[in-house]
Every structure is written in structure tokens, then in C-alpha cells.
């Protein structure tokens, strides 16, 4: 939904739904297994930035000027791949 969403998956492959207009924190994204389904956003419109300070291990993804995703414990090089998205 809209607002702040904290998302964690279970065992195996997960699909996390990230809706434009919401702040979506994904706490356990597994590169190569999990995927992110974008709603009202496209991969081509995303920009990725590595966090700093207390969030240095996280990636932030913006849809235009809107912060869409914070993905814990990953890097821009790992997440910025269309294969990670539905």
C-alpha cells in the first residue's frame, strides 16, 4: 500500500511488490532468487544510489524524484539489473 512498507520474504524465491508513491523497505532481498514487481513505475525510469553512513550497505532506488525502494545489504551493481524486476 501507500506510506511506509517494510517487506521481508520467506524461504525460497520471493516477489516483493513496490508501488510508486510508497516508501518500500526490503530487508532480505536475495540477488538471483527474489524479484521486485513494480506498480506504476518502470525499470527504465529508476535511478539507483548507494547509501551512506548508517545506510551504507543499502541501495536506494528513485522513480523520477520519488524514493521508491530501500533494499538492505546489497550494492547498486547487484540490484541495477532488469533481471531483478518483474
C-alpha atoms as a PDB file:
ATOM      1  CA  UNK A   1       0.000   0.000   0.000  1.00  0.00           C
ATOM      2  CA  UNK A   2       0.926   3.655   0.176  1.00  0.00           C
ATOM      3  CA  UNK A   3       3.014   5.026   3.005  1.00  0.00           C
ATOM      4  CA  UNK A   4       5.954   3.157   4.552  1.00  0.00           C
ATOM      5  CA  UNK A   5       6.107  -0.575   3.789  1.00  0.00           C
ATOM      6  CA  UNK A   6       8.590  -2.920   5.459  1.00  0.00           C
ATOM      7  CA  UNK A   7       8.906  -6.089   3.398  1.00  0.00           C
ATOM      8  CA  UNK A   8      10.545  -9.416   4.284  1.00  0.00           C
ATOM      9  CA  UNK A   9      10.217 -12.639   2.329  1.00  0.00           C
ATOM     10  CA  UNK A  10      10.237 -16.246   3.375  1.00  0.00           C
ATOM     11  CA  UNK A  11      12.287 -19.237   2.316  1.00  0.00           C
ATOM     12  CA  UNK A  12      12.806 -19.611  -1.426  1.00  0.00           C
ATOM     13  CA  UNK A  13      12.113 -17.123  -4.202  1.00  0.00           C
ATOM     14  CA  UNK A  14      10.003 -14.091  -3.291  1.00  0.00           C
ATOM     15  CA  UNK A  15       8.328 -11.350  -5.303  1.00  0.00           C
ATOM     16  CA  UNK A  16       8.212  -8.020  -3.489  1.00  0.00           C
ATOM     17  CA  UNK A  17       5.623  -5.514  -4.730  1.00  0.00           C
ATOM     18  CA  UNK A  18       6.819  -1.894  -4.828  1.00  0.00           C
ATOM     19  CA  UNK A  19       4.160   0.689  -5.598  1.00  0.00           C
ATOM     20  CA  UNK A  20       5.082   4.177  -6.780  1.00  0.00           C
ATOM     21  CA  UNK A  21       4.020   6.701  -4.160  1.00  0.00           C
ATOM     22  CA  UNK A  22       5.075   4.437  -1.278  1.00  0.00           C
ATOM     23  CA  UNK A  23       8.401   4.052   0.535  1.00  0.00           C
ATOM     24  CA  UNK A  24       9.250   0.354   0.307  1.00  0.00           C
ATOM     25  CA  UNK A  25      11.990  -1.066   2.551  1.00  0.00           C
ATOM     26  CA  UNK A  26      13.070  -4.596   1.571  1.00  0.00           C
ATOM     27  CA  UNK A  27      15.017  -6.219   4.376  1.00  0.00           C
ATOM     28  CA  UNK A  28      16.080  -9.548   2.890  1.00  0.00           C
ATOM     29  CA  UNK A  29      16.327  -9.346  -0.911  1.00  0.00           C
ATOM     30  CA  UNK A  30      18.287 -12.287  -2.368  1.00  0.00           C
ATOM     31  CA  UNK A  31      20.030 -11.456  -5.655  1.00  0.00           C
ATOM     32  CA  UNK A  32      19.405 -14.198  -8.216  1.00  0.00           C
ATOM     33  CA  UNK A  33      16.380 -15.572  -6.376  1.00  0.00           C
ATOM     34  CA  UNK A  34      13.981 -12.771  -5.412  1.00  0.00           C
ATOM     35  CA  UNK A  35      12.389 -10.208  -7.725  1.00  0.00           C
ATOM     36  CA  UNK A  36      10.661  -6.854  -7.369  1.00  0.00           C
ATOM     37  CA  UNK A  37       7.334  -6.185  -9.064  1.00  0.00           C
ATOM     38  CA  UNK A  38       6.936  -2.508  -9.921  1.00  0.00           C
ATOM     39  CA  UNK A  39       3.468  -0.930  -9.820  1.00  0.00           C
ATOM     40  CA  UNK A  40       3.031   2.452 -11.528  1.00  0.00           C
ATOM     41  CA  UNK A  41       6.785   2.542 -12.249  1.00  0.00           C
ATOM     42  CA  UNK A  42       9.155   1.075 -14.836  1.00  0.00           C
ATOM     43  CA  UNK A  43      12.714  -0.174 -14.574  1.00  0.00           C
ATOM     44  CA  UNK A  44      13.806   2.287 -17.278  1.00  0.00           C
ATOM     45  CA  UNK A  45      12.728   5.215 -15.053  1.00  0.00           C
ATOM     46  CA  UNK A  46      14.621   4.045 -11.960  1.00  0.00           C
ATOM     47  CA  UNK A  47      17.879   5.561 -10.734  1.00  0.00           C
ATOM     48  CA  UNK A  48      19.975   3.749  -8.131  1.00  0.00           C
ATOM     49  CA  UNK A  49      22.233   5.155  -5.410  1.00  0.00           C
ATOM     50  CA  UNK A  50      24.351   3.509  -2.728  1.00  0.00           C
ATOM     51  CA  UNK A  51      23.531   4.673   0.774  1.00  0.00           C
ATOM     52  CA  UNK A  52      25.984   6.350   3.126  1.00  0.00           C
ATOM     53  CA  UNK A  53      26.597   6.486   6.856  1.00  0.00           C
ATOM     54  CA  UNK A  54      24.255   4.154   8.759  1.00  0.00           C
ATOM     55  CA  UNK A  55      22.666   3.110   5.429  1.00  0.00           C
ATOM     56  CA  UNK A  56      25.918   2.468   3.525  1.00  0.00           C
ATOM     57  CA  UNK A  57      25.037  -1.202   2.999  1.00  0.00           C
ATOM     58  CA  UNK A  58      21.700  -0.316   1.360  1.00  0.00           C
ATOM     59  CA  UNK A  59      20.647   0.712  -2.143  1.00  0.00           C
ATOM     60  CA  UNK A  60      18.076   3.439  -2.739  1.00  0.00           C
ATOM     61  CA  UNK A  61      16.034   3.479  -5.953  1.00  0.00           C
ATOM     62  CA  UNK A  62      14.163   6.534  -7.154  1.00  0.00           C
ATOM     63  CA  UNK A  63      11.357   6.680  -9.710  1.00  0.00           C
ATOM     64  CA  UNK A  64      11.989  10.166 -11.047  1.00  0.00           C
ATOM     65  CA  UNK A  65      12.247  12.299  -7.896  1.00  0.00           C
ATOM     66  CA  UNK A  66      10.238   9.868  -5.729  1.00  0.00           C
ATOM     67  CA  UNK A  67      12.072   7.492  -3.412  1.00  0.00           C
ATOM     68  CA  UNK A  68      10.585   4.096  -4.229  1.00  0.00           C
ATOM     69  CA  UNK A  69      12.876   1.488  -2.659  1.00  0.00           C
ATOM     70  CA  UNK A  70      15.450   0.949   0.025  1.00  0.00           C
ATOM     71  CA  UNK A  71      16.985  -2.509  -0.319  1.00  0.00           C
ATOM     72  CA  UNK A  72      19.147  -3.670   2.585  1.00  0.00           C
ATOM     73  CA  UNK A  73      22.554  -5.316   2.272  1.00  0.00           C
ATOM     74  CA  UNK A  74      23.135  -5.030  -1.462  1.00  0.00           C
ATOM     75  CA  UNK A  75      25.015  -2.847  -3.917  1.00  0.00           C
ATOM     76  CA  UNK A  76      23.970  -0.768  -6.900  1.00  0.00           C
ATOM     77  CA  UNK A  77      25.969  -3.110  -9.161  1.00  0.00           C
ATOM     78  CA  UNK A  78      23.943  -6.084  -7.881  1.00  0.00           C
ATOM     79  CA  UNK A  79      20.460  -4.513  -7.866  1.00  0.00           C
ATOM     80  CA  UNK A  80      20.596  -2.382 -11.036  1.00  0.00           C
ATOM     81  CA  UNK A  81      19.701  -5.277 -13.348  1.00  0.00           C
ATOM     82  CA  UNK A  82      16.375  -5.736 -15.107  1.00  0.00           C
ATOM     83  CA  UNK A  83      16.520  -9.449 -14.179  1.00  0.00           C
ATOM     84  CA  UNK A  84      15.766  -8.450 -10.554  1.00  0.00           C
ATOM     85  CA  UNK A  85      12.439  -6.904 -11.582  1.00  0.00           C
ATOM     86  CA  UNK A  86       9.124  -8.302 -12.871  1.00  0.00           C
END
